[in-house]
Amino acid sequence: MKIDKKIKITAIASFSIVLLVVLIYFIGKAVGKNKKTAGSQSTLPADTNWGSSLSSTESEEIARHAKALYDDMKGVNFWTRDISIYTNYLATSDRVFVGVANYFYDKYGSGENLAQWINGEVWGWSATANKDVINSIVERLNKFNIYA
């Protein structure tokens, strides 16, 4: 009898834990979807106060770089990174470089700037191979008074 009771208690506890994990997953998914929808309603950089002098090409380039950086850094990523995203960003003009940082802060930052996001990332084993690129981005952001 004792074994049957222990099996029932274990089964109920296991089912409860699985149900709780599934519930948390779907709630998190719904919250994330709502935040993503709200974030996608942002204006282009040329339509902001800080970007009013940008050309439409610069504005679109800024939005593209910011989205690529956000997509690569969002969530948990311990494996490899697409370093071309960071090297392409580093190779931009000063206007676009600062515009990306401003736009990233406005649209994706959630209260943190791009330097803070980069410093807060777990780069895993790719950090040693790409340390120069990441450090160059942070140093260039610092040059424009964007500090982590």
N, C-alpha and C. Protein backbone atom coordinates (compact mmCIF):
# COMPACT_ATOMS: atom_id res chain seq x y z
N MET A 1 0.80 -1.19 0.00
CA MET A 1 0.00 0.00 0.00
C MET A 1 0.85 1.27 0.00
N LYS A 2 1.94 1.26 0.74
CA LYS A 2 2.78 2.44 0.83
C LYS A 2 3.38 2.78 -0.52
N ILE A 3 3.73 1.80 -1.31
CA ILE A 3 4.32 2.04 -2.63
C ILE A 3 3.29 2.68 -3.54
N ASP A 4 2.06 2.22 -3.52
CA ASP A 4 1.01 2.79 -4.35
C ASP A 4 0.77 4.26 -3.99
N LYS A 5 0.77 4.57 -2.72
CA LYS A 5 0.55 5.95 -2.27
C LYS A 5 1.71 6.85 -2.71
N LYS A 6 2.95 6.35 -2.60
CA LYS A 6 4.11 7.12 -3.03
C LYS A 6 4.09 7.35 -4.53
N ILE A 7 3.68 6.34 -5.29
CA ILE A 7 3.60 6.49 -6.74
C ILE A 7 2.56 7.54 -7.11
N LYS A 8 1.41 7.52 -6.44
CA LYS A 8 0.37 8.50 -6.71
C LYS A 8 0.85 9.92 -6.39
N ILE A 9 1.50 10.08 -5.26
CA ILE A 9 2.00 11.40 -4.86
C ILE A 9 3.06 11.88 -5.84
N THR A 10 3.96 10.99 -6.25
CA THR A 10 4.99 11.35 -7.22
C THR A 10 4.37 11.71 -8.56
N ALA A 11 3.39 10.97 -9.00
CA ALA A 11 2.73 11.25 -10.28
C ALA A 11 2.01 12.59 -10.24
N ILE A 12 1.32 12.87 -9.15
CA ILE A 12 0.60 14.15 -9.02
C ILE A 12 1.59 15.30 -8.98
N ALA A 13 2.68 15.15 -8.24
CA ALA A 13 3.70 16.21 -8.16
C ALA A 13 4.35 16.44 -9.52
N SER A 14 4.67 15.35 -10.21
CA SER A 14 5.29 15.47 -11.54
C SER A 14 4.35 16.16 -12.52
N PHE A 15 3.09 15.76 -12.50
CA PHE A 15 2.11 16.37 -13.40
C PHE A 15 1.96 17.86 -13.08
N SER A 16 1.93 18.19 -11.81
CA SER A 16 1.79 19.60 -11.40
C SER A 16 2.97 20.43 -11.87
N ILE A 17 4.15 19.89 -11.76
CA ILE A 17 5.36 20.61 -12.19
C ILE A 17 5.34 20.81 -13.70
N VAL A 18 5.00 19.77 -14.44
CA VAL A 18 4.93 19.88 -15.91
C VAL A 18 3.86 20.90 -16.30
N LEU A 19 2.71 20.86 -15.64
CA LEU A 19 1.64 21.81 -15.93
C LEU A 19 2.09 23.25 -15.64
N LEU A 20 2.80 23.45 -14.55
CA LEU A 20 3.31 24.77 -14.19
C LEU A 20 4.32 25.27 -15.22
N VAL A 21 5.23 24.42 -15.65
CA VAL A 21 6.22 24.80 -16.65
C VAL A 21 5.55 25.18 -17.97
N VAL A 22 4.57 24.40 -18.40
CA VAL A 22 3.85 24.70 -19.65
C VAL A 22 3.10 26.01 -19.51
N LEU A 23 2.48 26.25 -18.39
CA LEU A 23 1.75 27.49 -18.15
C LEU A 23 2.70 28.70 -18.19
N ILE A 24 3.83 28.59 -17.54
CA ILE A 24 4.82 29.68 -17.55
C ILE A 24 5.32 29.93 -18.96
N TYR A 25 5.55 28.87 -19.72
CA TYR A 25 6.02 29.01 -21.11
C TYR A 25 5.01 29.81 -21.94
N PHE A 26 3.74 29.44 -21.88
CA PHE A 26 2.75 30.11 -22.71
C PHE A 26 2.50 31.55 -22.25
N ILE A 27 2.57 31.80 -20.97
CA ILE A 27 2.44 33.18 -20.48
C ILE A 27 3.61 34.02 -20.97
N GLY A 28 4.83 33.48 -20.86
CA GLY A 28 6.01 34.20 -21.36
C GLY A 28 5.95 34.44 -22.85
N LYS A 29 5.47 33.47 -23.58
CA LYS A 29 5.34 33.62 -25.03
C LYS A 29 4.35 34.72 -25.38
N ALA A 30 3.24 34.78 -24.67
CA ALA A 30 2.23 35.82 -24.93
C ALA A 30 2.76 37.20 -24.58
N VAL A 31 3.47 37.31 -23.45
CA VAL A 31 4.04 38.60 -23.04
C VAL A 31 5.09 39.04 -24.06
N GLY A 32 5.94 38.13 -24.49
CA GLY A 32 6.95 38.46 -25.49
C GLY A 32 6.35 38.90 -26.80
N LYS A 33 5.28 38.26 -27.22
CA LYS A 33 4.61 38.63 -28.46
C LYS A 33 4.02 40.03 -28.36
N ASN A 34 3.44 40.34 -27.20
CA ASN A 34 2.89 41.68 -27.00
C ASN A 34 3.97 42.74 -27.01
N LYS A 35 5.13 42.46 -26.39
CA LYS A 35 6.23 43.42 -26.38
C LYS A 35 6.78 43.61 -27.79
N LYS A 36 6.88 42.51 -28.54
CA LYS A 36 7.40 42.59 -29.90
C LYS A 36 6.48 43.43 -30.76
N THR A 37 5.17 43.24 -30.62
CA THR A 37 4.20 44.02 -31.39
C THR A 37 4.28 45.49 -31.02
N ALA A 38 4.39 45.77 -29.73
CA ALA A 38 4.50 47.16 -29.29
C ALA A 38 5.78 47.80 -29.79
N GLY A 39 6.88 47.05 -29.79
CA GLY A 39 8.16 47.57 -30.25
C GLY A 39 8.20 47.83 -31.73
N SER A 40 7.43 47.08 -32.51
CA SER A 40 7.48 47.25 -33.95
C SER A 40 6.69 48.46 -34.42
N GLN A 41 6.03 49.16 -33.51
CA GLN A 41 5.27 50.35 -33.88
C GLN A 41 6.12 51.61 -33.81
N SER A 42 7.40 51.46 -33.62
CA SER A 42 8.31 52.58 -33.49
C SER A 42 8.48 53.30 -34.82
N THR A 43 8.88 54.56 -34.75
CA THR A 43 9.09 55.34 -35.96
C THR A 43 10.48 55.10 -36.51
N LEU A 44 10.66 55.41 -37.77
CA LEU A 44 11.99 55.33 -38.37
C LEU A 44 12.86 56.43 -37.80
N PRO A 45 14.18 56.24 -37.81
CA PRO A 45 15.08 57.24 -37.23
C PRO A 45 14.90 58.64 -37.82
N ALA A 46 14.62 58.74 -39.11
CA ALA A 46 14.48 60.06 -39.73
C ALA A 46 13.29 60.82 -39.17
N ASP A 47 12.33 60.10 -38.57
CA ASP A 47 11.13 60.74 -38.03
C ASP A 47 11.27 61.12 -36.56
N THR A 48 12.44 60.91 -35.98
CA THR A 48 12.66 61.26 -34.58
C THR A 48 13.34 62.61 -34.49
N ASN A 49 13.36 63.18 -33.30
CA ASN A 49 14.03 64.47 -33.09
C ASN A 49 15.52 64.37 -33.36
N TRP A 50 16.15 63.30 -32.89
CA TRP A 50 17.59 63.17 -33.05
C TRP A 50 17.98 62.80 -34.47
N GLY A 51 17.06 62.28 -35.27
CA GLY A 51 17.42 61.83 -36.61
C GLY A 51 16.77 62.60 -37.73
N SER A 52 16.26 63.78 -37.44
CA SER A 52 15.51 64.52 -38.46
C SER A 52 16.37 64.94 -39.65
N SER A 53 17.68 65.03 -39.49
CA SER A 53 18.54 65.43 -40.60
C SER A 53 19.08 64.24 -41.40
N LEU A 54 18.67 63.02 -41.05
CA LEU A 54 19.14 61.83 -41.76
C LEU A 54 18.43 61.67 -43.10
N SER A 55 19.15 61.14 -44.07
CA SER A 55 18.52 60.82 -45.35
C SER A 55 17.69 59.55 -45.17
N SER A 56 16.82 59.27 -46.12
CA SER A 56 16.00 58.06 -46.01
C SER A 56 16.87 56.81 -46.09
N THR A 57 17.96 56.87 -46.86
CA THR A 57 18.87 55.73 -46.95
C THR A 57 19.55 55.48 -45.61
N GLU A 58 20.03 56.56 -44.97
CA GLU A 58 20.65 56.42 -43.65
C GLU A 58 19.64 55.89 -42.62
N SER A 59 18.44 56.40 -42.70
CA SER A 59 17.40 55.99 -41.77
C SER A 59 17.11 54.49 -41.90
N GLU A 60 17.00 54.01 -43.11
CA GLU A 60 16.73 52.59 -43.34
C GLU A 60 17.93 51.73 -42.92
N GLU A 61 19.13 52.23 -43.18
CA GLU A 61 20.34 51.50 -42.78
C GLU A 61 20.42 51.39 -41.26
N ILE A 62 20.07 52.46 -40.58
CA ILE A 62 20.08 52.47 -39.11
C ILE A 62 19.09 51.44 -38.57
N ALA A 63 17.89 51.45 -39.11
CA ALA A 63 16.87 50.50 -38.65
C ALA A 63 17.30 49.06 -38.91
N ARG A 64 17.93 48.82 -40.05
CA ARG A 64 18.38 47.47 -40.40
C ARG A 64 19.49 46.98 -39.45
N HIS A 65 20.47 47.85 -39.20
CA HIS A 65 21.57 47.48 -38.29
C HIS A 65 21.05 47.24 -36.87
N ALA A 66 20.17 48.12 -36.39
CA ALA A 66 19.65 47.99 -35.02
C ALA A 66 18.87 46.68 -34.87
N LYS A 67 18.06 46.35 -35.86
CA LYS A 67 17.28 45.11 -35.79
C LYS A 67 18.21 43.89 -35.81
N ALA A 68 19.22 43.92 -36.67
CA ALA A 68 20.16 42.80 -36.75
C ALA A 68 20.89 42.62 -35.42
N LEU A 69 21.33 43.71 -34.81
CA LEU A 69 22.01 43.63 -33.51
C LEU A 69 21.07 43.07 -32.45
N TYR A 70 19.85 43.57 -32.44
CA TYR A 70 18.88 43.11 -31.45
C TYR A 70 18.58 41.62 -31.64
N ASP A 71 18.34 41.21 -32.88
CA ASP A 71 18.03 39.81 -33.15
C ASP A 71 19.17 38.89 -32.72
N ASP A 72 20.41 39.35 -32.88
CA ASP A 72 21.55 38.52 -32.50
C ASP A 72 21.75 38.48 -30.98
N MET A 73 21.38 39.54 -30.28
CA MET A 73 21.63 39.60 -28.84
C MET A 73 20.44 39.21 -27.98
N LYS A 74 19.24 39.20 -28.54
CA LYS A 74 18.08 38.89 -27.69
C LYS A 74 18.09 37.42 -27.28
N GLY A 75 17.52 37.16 -26.14
CA GLY A 75 17.45 35.80 -25.65
C GLY A 75 18.78 35.28 -25.14
N VAL A 76 18.85 33.98 -24.99
CA VAL A 76 20.06 33.33 -24.48
C VAL A 76 20.80 32.71 -25.66
N ASN A 77 22.06 33.05 -25.79
CA ASN A 77 22.86 32.54 -26.90
C ASN A 77 24.27 32.26 -26.39
N PHE A 78 24.56 31.00 -26.15
CA PHE A 78 25.88 30.63 -25.64
C PHE A 78 26.82 30.15 -26.73
N TRP A 79 26.32 29.90 -27.90
CA TRP A 79 27.13 29.28 -28.95
C TRP A 79 27.81 30.33 -29.80
N THR A 80 27.55 30.36 -31.05
CA THR A 80 28.25 31.30 -31.93
C THR A 80 27.39 32.52 -32.21
N ARG A 81 28.05 33.55 -32.59
CA ARG A 81 27.40 34.79 -32.99
C ARG A 81 27.72 35.05 -34.45
N ASP A 82 26.85 35.79 -35.10
CA ASP A 82 27.12 36.20 -36.48
C ASP A 82 27.97 37.47 -36.41
N ILE A 83 29.27 37.30 -36.44
CA ILE A 83 30.18 38.44 -36.26
C ILE A 83 30.07 39.44 -37.40
N SER A 84 29.56 39.01 -38.56
CA SER A 84 29.41 39.95 -39.68
C SER A 84 28.44 41.08 -39.32
N ILE A 85 27.48 40.81 -38.47
CA ILE A 85 26.56 41.86 -38.02
C ILE A 85 27.34 42.97 -37.31
N TYR A 86 28.27 42.58 -36.48
CA TYR A 86 29.04 43.53 -35.69
C TYR A 86 30.11 44.23 -36.53
N THR A 87 30.74 43.51 -37.44
CA THR A 87 31.74 44.15 -38.31
C THR A 87 31.07 45.11 -39.29
N ASN A 88 29.90 44.76 -39.79
CA ASN A 88 29.17 45.68 -40.67
C ASN A 88 28.75 46.94 -39.92
N TYR A 89 28.31 46.77 -38.68
CA TYR A 89 27.95 47.92 -37.86
C TYR A 89 29.17 48.79 -37.58
N LEU A 90 30.28 48.18 -37.28
CA LEU A 90 31.51 48.92 -36.98
C LEU A 90 32.00 49.70 -38.19
N ALA A 91 31.71 49.21 -39.40
CA ALA A 91 32.19 49.84 -40.62
C ALA A 91 31.32 51.01 -41.09
N THR A 92 30.27 51.33 -40.37
CA THR A 92 29.37 52.42 -40.80
C THR A 92 29.98 53.79 -40.51
N SER A 93 29.39 54.79 -41.13
CA SER A 93 29.80 56.18 -40.88
C SER A 93 29.43 56.56 -39.45
N ASP A 94 30.01 57.66 -38.97
CA ASP A 94 29.72 58.10 -37.61
C ASP A 94 28.23 58.41 -37.42
N ARG A 95 27.63 59.03 -38.43
CA ARG A 95 26.20 59.37 -38.32
C ARG A 95 25.35 58.12 -38.17
N VAL A 96 25.63 57.12 -38.97
CA VAL A 96 24.87 55.87 -38.91
C VAL A 96 25.20 55.13 -37.62
N PHE A 97 26.47 55.12 -37.24
CA PHE A 97 26.91 54.42 -36.03
C PHE A 97 26.16 54.95 -34.80
N VAL A 98 26.14 56.25 -34.63
CA VAL A 98 25.44 56.86 -33.49
C VAL A 98 23.93 56.70 -33.65
N GLY A 99 23.45 56.82 -34.88
CA GLY A 99 22.02 56.64 -35.14
C GLY A 99 21.55 55.25 -34.74
N VAL A 100 22.36 54.24 -35.03
CA VAL A 100 22.00 52.87 -34.64
C VAL A 100 21.91 52.77 -33.12
N ALA A 101 22.87 53.35 -32.43
CA ALA A 101 22.86 53.31 -30.96
C ALA A 101 21.62 54.02 -30.41
N ASN A 102 21.28 55.18 -30.98
CA ASN A 102 20.09 55.90 -30.54
C ASN A 102 18.82 55.13 -30.83
N TYR A 103 18.73 54.60 -32.04
CA TYR A 103 17.53 53.86 -32.45
C TYR A 103 17.39 52.58 -31.63
N PHE A 104 18.50 51.90 -31.39
CA PHE A 104 18.49 50.69 -30.57
C PHE A 104 17.95 51.01 -29.18
N TYR A 105 18.42 52.10 -28.61
CA TYR A 105 17.95 52.51 -27.28
C TYR A 105 16.45 52.79 -27.31
N ASP A 106 16.00 53.54 -28.32
CA ASP A 106 14.59 53.91 -28.41
C ASP A 106 13.68 52.70 -28.62
N LYS A 107 14.09 51.80 -29.50
CA LYS A 107 13.18 50.72 -29.91
C LYS A 107 13.38 49.42 -29.14
N TYR A 108 14.62 49.04 -28.87
CA TYR A 108 14.89 47.73 -28.30
C TYR A 108 15.51 47.76 -26.91
N GLY A 109 16.06 48.87 -26.50
CA GLY A 109 16.89 48.93 -25.32
C GLY A 109 16.22 48.64 -24.00
N SER A 110 14.94 48.92 -23.87
CA SER A 110 14.22 48.72 -22.60
C SER A 110 14.96 49.38 -21.43
N GLY A 111 15.41 50.61 -21.65
CA GLY A 111 16.09 51.35 -20.60
C GLY A 111 17.60 51.21 -20.60
N GLU A 112 18.14 50.39 -21.48
CA GLU A 112 19.59 50.22 -21.56
C GLU A 112 20.06 50.63 -22.95
N ASN A 113 21.28 51.19 -23.00
CA ASN A 113 21.82 51.57 -24.30
C ASN A 113 22.55 50.38 -24.93
N LEU A 114 23.02 50.58 -26.16
CA LEU A 114 23.67 49.50 -26.91
C LEU A 114 24.94 49.02 -26.22
N ALA A 115 25.71 49.94 -25.65
CA ALA A 115 26.95 49.54 -24.95
C ALA A 115 26.62 48.64 -23.76
N GLN A 116 25.56 48.94 -23.06
CA GLN A 116 25.16 48.11 -21.93
C GLN A 116 24.72 46.72 -22.40
N TRP A 117 24.01 46.68 -23.51
CA TRP A 117 23.59 45.39 -24.05
C TRP A 117 24.80 44.56 -24.44
N ILE A 118 25.74 45.18 -25.14
CA ILE A 118 26.93 44.44 -25.60
C ILE A 118 27.74 43.95 -24.40
N ASN A 119 27.94 44.81 -23.40
CA ASN A 119 28.70 44.40 -22.21
C ASN A 119 27.96 43.34 -21.40
N GLY A 120 26.64 43.34 -21.47
CA GLY A 120 25.85 42.38 -20.70
C GLY A 120 25.69 41.03 -21.38
N GLU A 121 26.18 40.91 -22.59
CA GLU A 121 26.03 39.66 -23.33
C GLU A 121 27.03 38.60 -22.87
N VAL A 122 26.62 37.36 -22.95
CA VAL A 122 27.50 36.22 -22.74
C VAL A 122 27.98 35.82 -24.13
N TRP A 123 29.25 36.04 -24.41
CA TRP A 123 29.77 35.81 -25.76
C TRP A 123 30.28 34.40 -25.95
N GLY A 124 30.39 33.63 -24.89
CA GLY A 124 30.82 32.24 -25.02
C GLY A 124 32.20 32.12 -25.61
N TRP A 125 32.44 31.02 -26.28
CA TRP A 125 33.77 30.77 -26.84
C TRP A 125 34.08 31.69 -28.02
N SER A 126 33.07 32.31 -28.63
CA SER A 126 33.33 33.20 -29.77
C SER A 126 33.95 34.52 -29.33
N ALA A 127 33.93 34.81 -28.02
CA ALA A 127 34.45 36.08 -27.53
C ALA A 127 35.94 36.23 -27.80
N THR A 128 36.70 35.15 -27.65
CA THR A 128 38.13 35.26 -27.86
C THR A 128 38.45 35.53 -29.32
N ALA A 129 37.70 34.92 -30.22
CA ALA A 129 37.95 35.11 -31.64
C ALA A 129 37.52 36.49 -32.10
N ASN A 130 36.51 37.05 -31.49
CA ASN A 130 35.92 38.31 -31.95
C ASN A 130 36.07 39.45 -30.95
N LYS A 131 36.97 39.29 -30.01
CA LYS A 131 37.15 40.27 -28.94
C LYS A 131 37.52 41.65 -29.50
N ASP A 132 38.35 41.69 -30.53
CA ASP A 132 38.77 42.97 -31.09
C ASP A 132 37.59 43.74 -31.68
N VAL A 133 36.71 43.05 -32.38
CA VAL A 133 35.55 43.71 -32.98
C VAL A 133 34.63 44.25 -31.89
N ILE A 134 34.34 43.44 -30.90
CA ILE A 134 33.45 43.85 -29.81
C ILE A 134 34.05 45.01 -29.04
N ASN A 135 35.33 44.92 -28.71
CA ASN A 135 35.99 46.02 -28.00
C ASN A 135 36.02 47.30 -28.83
N SER A 136 36.21 47.18 -30.14
CA SER A 136 36.22 48.35 -31.01
C SER A 136 34.86 49.03 -31.03
N ILE A 137 33.79 48.24 -31.02
CA ILE A 137 32.44 48.82 -30.99
C ILE A 137 32.23 49.58 -29.68
N VAL A 138 32.59 48.95 -28.58
CA VAL A 138 32.40 49.59 -27.27
C VAL A 138 33.24 50.86 -27.16
N GLU A 139 34.49 50.81 -27.62
CA GLU A 139 35.34 52.00 -27.59
C GLU A 139 34.78 53.12 -28.46
N ARG A 140 34.25 52.76 -29.62
CA ARG A 140 33.68 53.78 -30.51
C ARG A 140 32.40 54.35 -29.90
N LEU A 141 31.60 53.53 -29.26
CA LEU A 141 30.41 54.03 -28.56
C LEU A 141 30.83 54.98 -27.44
N ASN A 142 31.89 54.63 -26.71
CA ASN A 142 32.40 55.50 -25.64
C ASN A 142 32.84 56.85 -26.19
N LYS A 143 33.42 56.84 -27.39
CA LYS A 143 33.86 58.07 -28.03
C LYS A 143 32.69 59.05 -28.22
N PHE A 144 31.50 58.48 -28.40
CA PHE A 144 30.29 59.31 -28.57
C PHE A 144 29.49 59.41 -27.28
N ASN A 145 30.16 59.20 -26.15
CA ASN A 145 29.55 59.32 -24.81
C ASN A 145 28.41 58.34 -24.59
N ILE A 146 28.52 57.15 -25.16
CA ILE A 146 27.57 56.08 -24.92
C ILE A 146 28.33 55.01 -24.14
N TYR A 147 28.11 55.01 -22.83
CA TYR A 147 28.87 54.15 -21.93
C TYR A 147 28.00 53.03 -21.37
N ALA A 148 28.64 51.94 -21.04
CA ALA A 148 27.93 50.82 -20.40
C ALA A 148 27.73 51.12 -18.94
